[in-house]
């Protein structure tokens, strides 16, 4: 397969281009360890087809929201306001 590239749009052979394995994420797997272990910041989410993209920022925000809620519940418990 030939593609056009460069300033003069000369064709090059795509077999000369480096290849890589695309890392994807299932909806059923936890993202934080996957992103950290593979040293990546963005990953497409696949569920038979591409359904979205997750970034490490999304994961950090979700963890912060979870920890914030847990901290509030613990503070309420200590103050005796927990039901």
C-alpha atoms as a PDB file:
ATOM      1  CA  UNK A   1       0.000   0.000   0.000  1.00  0.00           C
ATOM      2  CA  UNK A   2       1.273   3.469  -0.864  1.00  0.00           C
ATOM      3  CA  UNK A   3       0.482   6.695   0.954  1.00  0.00           C
ATOM      4  CA  UNK A   4       1.328  10.287   0.169  1.00  0.00           C
ATOM      5  CA  UNK A   5       3.666  12.094   2.504  1.00  0.00           C
ATOM      6  CA  UNK A   6       6.258  14.823   2.662  1.00  0.00           C
ATOM      7  CA  UNK A   7       6.286  18.293   1.174  1.00  0.00           C
ATOM      8  CA  UNK A   8       6.182  16.990  -2.375  1.00  0.00           C
ATOM      9  CA  UNK A   9       3.488  14.371  -1.613  1.00  0.00           C
ATOM     10  CA  UNK A  10       5.745  11.619  -2.877  1.00  0.00           C
ATOM     11  CA  UNK A  11       4.425   8.088  -2.204  1.00  0.00           C
ATOM     12  CA  UNK A  12       6.134   5.846   0.319  1.00  0.00           C
ATOM     13  CA  UNK A  13       5.672   2.155   1.008  1.00  0.00           C
ATOM     14  CA  UNK A  14       3.707   1.677   4.257  1.00  0.00           C
ATOM     15  CA  UNK A  15       5.584  -1.557   4.969  1.00  0.00           C
ATOM     16  CA  UNK A  16       8.547   0.684   5.798  1.00  0.00           C
ATOM     17  CA  UNK A  17       6.601   2.424   8.595  1.00  0.00           C
ATOM     18  CA  UNK A  18       6.944   1.117  12.155  1.00  0.00           C
ATOM     19  CA  UNK A  19       4.045  -0.936  13.429  1.00  0.00           C
ATOM     20  CA  UNK A  20       2.665  -1.244  16.953  1.00  0.00           C
ATOM     21  CA  UNK A  21       0.032  -3.122  18.906  1.00  0.00           C
ATOM     22  CA  UNK A  22      -2.959  -0.954  19.773  1.00  0.00           C
ATOM     23  CA  UNK A  23      -3.854  -1.292  23.447  1.00  0.00           C
ATOM     24  CA  UNK A  24      -7.589  -1.252  24.103  1.00  0.00           C
ATOM     25  CA  UNK A  25      -9.724  -1.615  27.210  1.00  0.00           C
ATOM     26  CA  UNK A  26     -12.828  -3.711  27.818  1.00  0.00           C
ATOM     27  CA  UNK A  27     -15.754  -2.245  29.732  1.00  0.00           C
ATOM     28  CA  UNK A  28     -15.324  -5.022  32.312  1.00  0.00           C
ATOM     29  CA  UNK A  29     -11.729  -4.292  33.381  1.00  0.00           C
ATOM     30  CA  UNK A  30     -10.479  -1.696  35.873  1.00  0.00           C
ATOM     31  CA  UNK A  31      -8.697   1.100  34.024  1.00  0.00           C
ATOM     32  CA  UNK A  32      -6.349   2.549  36.622  1.00  0.00           C
ATOM     33  CA  UNK A  33      -3.983  -0.451  36.841  1.00  0.00           C
ATOM     34  CA  UNK A  34      -4.177  -0.945  33.064  1.00  0.00           C
ATOM     35  CA  UNK A  35      -3.137   2.647  32.349  1.00  0.00           C
ATOM     36  CA  UNK A  36      -0.415   2.641  35.020  1.00  0.00           C
ATOM     37  CA  UNK A  37       1.096  -0.726  34.077  1.00  0.00           C
ATOM     38  CA  UNK A  38       1.286   0.199  30.397  1.00  0.00           C
ATOM     39  CA  UNK A  39       2.460   3.796  31.001  1.00  0.00           C
ATOM     40  CA  UNK A  40      -0.302   5.254  28.834  1.00  0.00           C
ATOM     41  CA  UNK A  41      -2.594   8.252  29.308  1.00  0.00           C
ATOM     42  CA  UNK A  42      -5.417   7.494  26.864  1.00  0.00           C
ATOM     43  CA  UNK A  43      -7.038   4.225  25.832  1.00  0.00           C
ATOM     44  CA  UNK A  44      -9.945   3.412  23.524  1.00  0.00           C
ATOM     45  CA  UNK A  45     -12.785   1.429  25.126  1.00  0.00           C
ATOM     46  CA  UNK A  46     -13.981  -1.507  23.045  1.00  0.00           C
ATOM     47  CA  UNK A  47     -17.278  -3.373  23.424  1.00  0.00           C
ATOM     48  CA  UNK A  48     -17.463  -5.106  20.066  1.00  0.00           C
ATOM     49  CA  UNK A  49     -16.832  -1.661  18.578  1.00  0.00           C
ATOM     50  CA  UNK A  50     -15.189   1.527  19.816  1.00  0.00           C
ATOM     51  CA  UNK A  51     -17.543   3.046  22.396  1.00  0.00           C
ATOM     52  CA  UNK A  52     -15.348   5.750  23.861  1.00  0.00           C
ATOM     53  CA  UNK A  53     -12.002   6.923  25.122  1.00  0.00           C
ATOM     54  CA  UNK A  54     -10.737   7.010  28.719  1.00  0.00           C
ATOM     55  CA  UNK A  55      -7.877   9.175  29.925  1.00  0.00           C
ATOM     56  CA  UNK A  56      -5.900   9.015  33.129  1.00  0.00           C
ATOM     57  CA  UNK A  57      -7.527  12.365  34.034  1.00  0.00           C
ATOM     58  CA  UNK A  58     -10.952  10.672  33.925  1.00  0.00           C
ATOM     59  CA  UNK A  59      -9.676   7.950  36.252  1.00  0.00           C
ATOM     60  CA  UNK A  60      -8.096  10.433  38.690  1.00  0.00           C
ATOM     61  CA  UNK A  61     -11.321  12.474  38.825  1.00  0.00           C
ATOM     62  CA  UNK A  62     -13.380   9.353  39.546  1.00  0.00           C
ATOM     63  CA  UNK A  63     -11.000   8.279  42.321  1.00  0.00           C
ATOM     64  CA  UNK A  64     -11.070  11.781  43.850  1.00  0.00           C
ATOM     65  CA  UNK A  65     -14.898  11.822  43.818  1.00  0.00           C
ATOM     66  CA  UNK A  66     -15.016   8.392  45.435  1.00  0.00           C
ATOM     67  CA  UNK A  67     -12.514   9.345  48.137  1.00  0.00           C
ATOM     68  CA  UNK A  68     -14.279  12.644  48.783  1.00  0.00           C
ATOM     69  CA  UNK A  69     -17.567  10.830  49.363  1.00  0.00           C
ATOM     70  CA  UNK A  70     -15.891   8.309  51.644  1.00  0.00           C
ATOM     71  CA  UNK A  71     -14.218  11.092  53.642  1.00  0.00           C
ATOM     72  CA  UNK A  72     -17.556  12.862  54.067  1.00  0.00           C
ATOM     73  CA  UNK A  73     -19.197   9.654  55.316  1.00  0.00           C
ATOM     74  CA  UNK A  74     -16.356   9.052  57.785  1.00  0.00           C
ATOM     75  CA  UNK A  75     -16.535  12.641  59.092  1.00  0.00           C
ATOM     76  CA  UNK A  76     -20.319  12.316  59.492  1.00  0.00           C
ATOM     77  CA  UNK A  77     -19.811   9.064  61.390  1.00  0.00           C
ATOM     78  CA  UNK A  78     -17.243  10.637  63.751  1.00  0.00           C
ATOM     79  CA  UNK A  79     -19.606  13.563  64.428  1.00  0.00           C
ATOM     80  CA  UNK A  80     -22.505  11.161  65.042  1.00  0.00           C
ATOM     81  CA  UNK A  81     -24.421  12.364  61.994  1.00  0.00           C
ATOM     82  CA  UNK A  82     -24.152   9.078  60.112  1.00  0.00           C
ATOM     83  CA  UNK A  83     -27.384   7.139  59.693  1.00  0.00           C
END
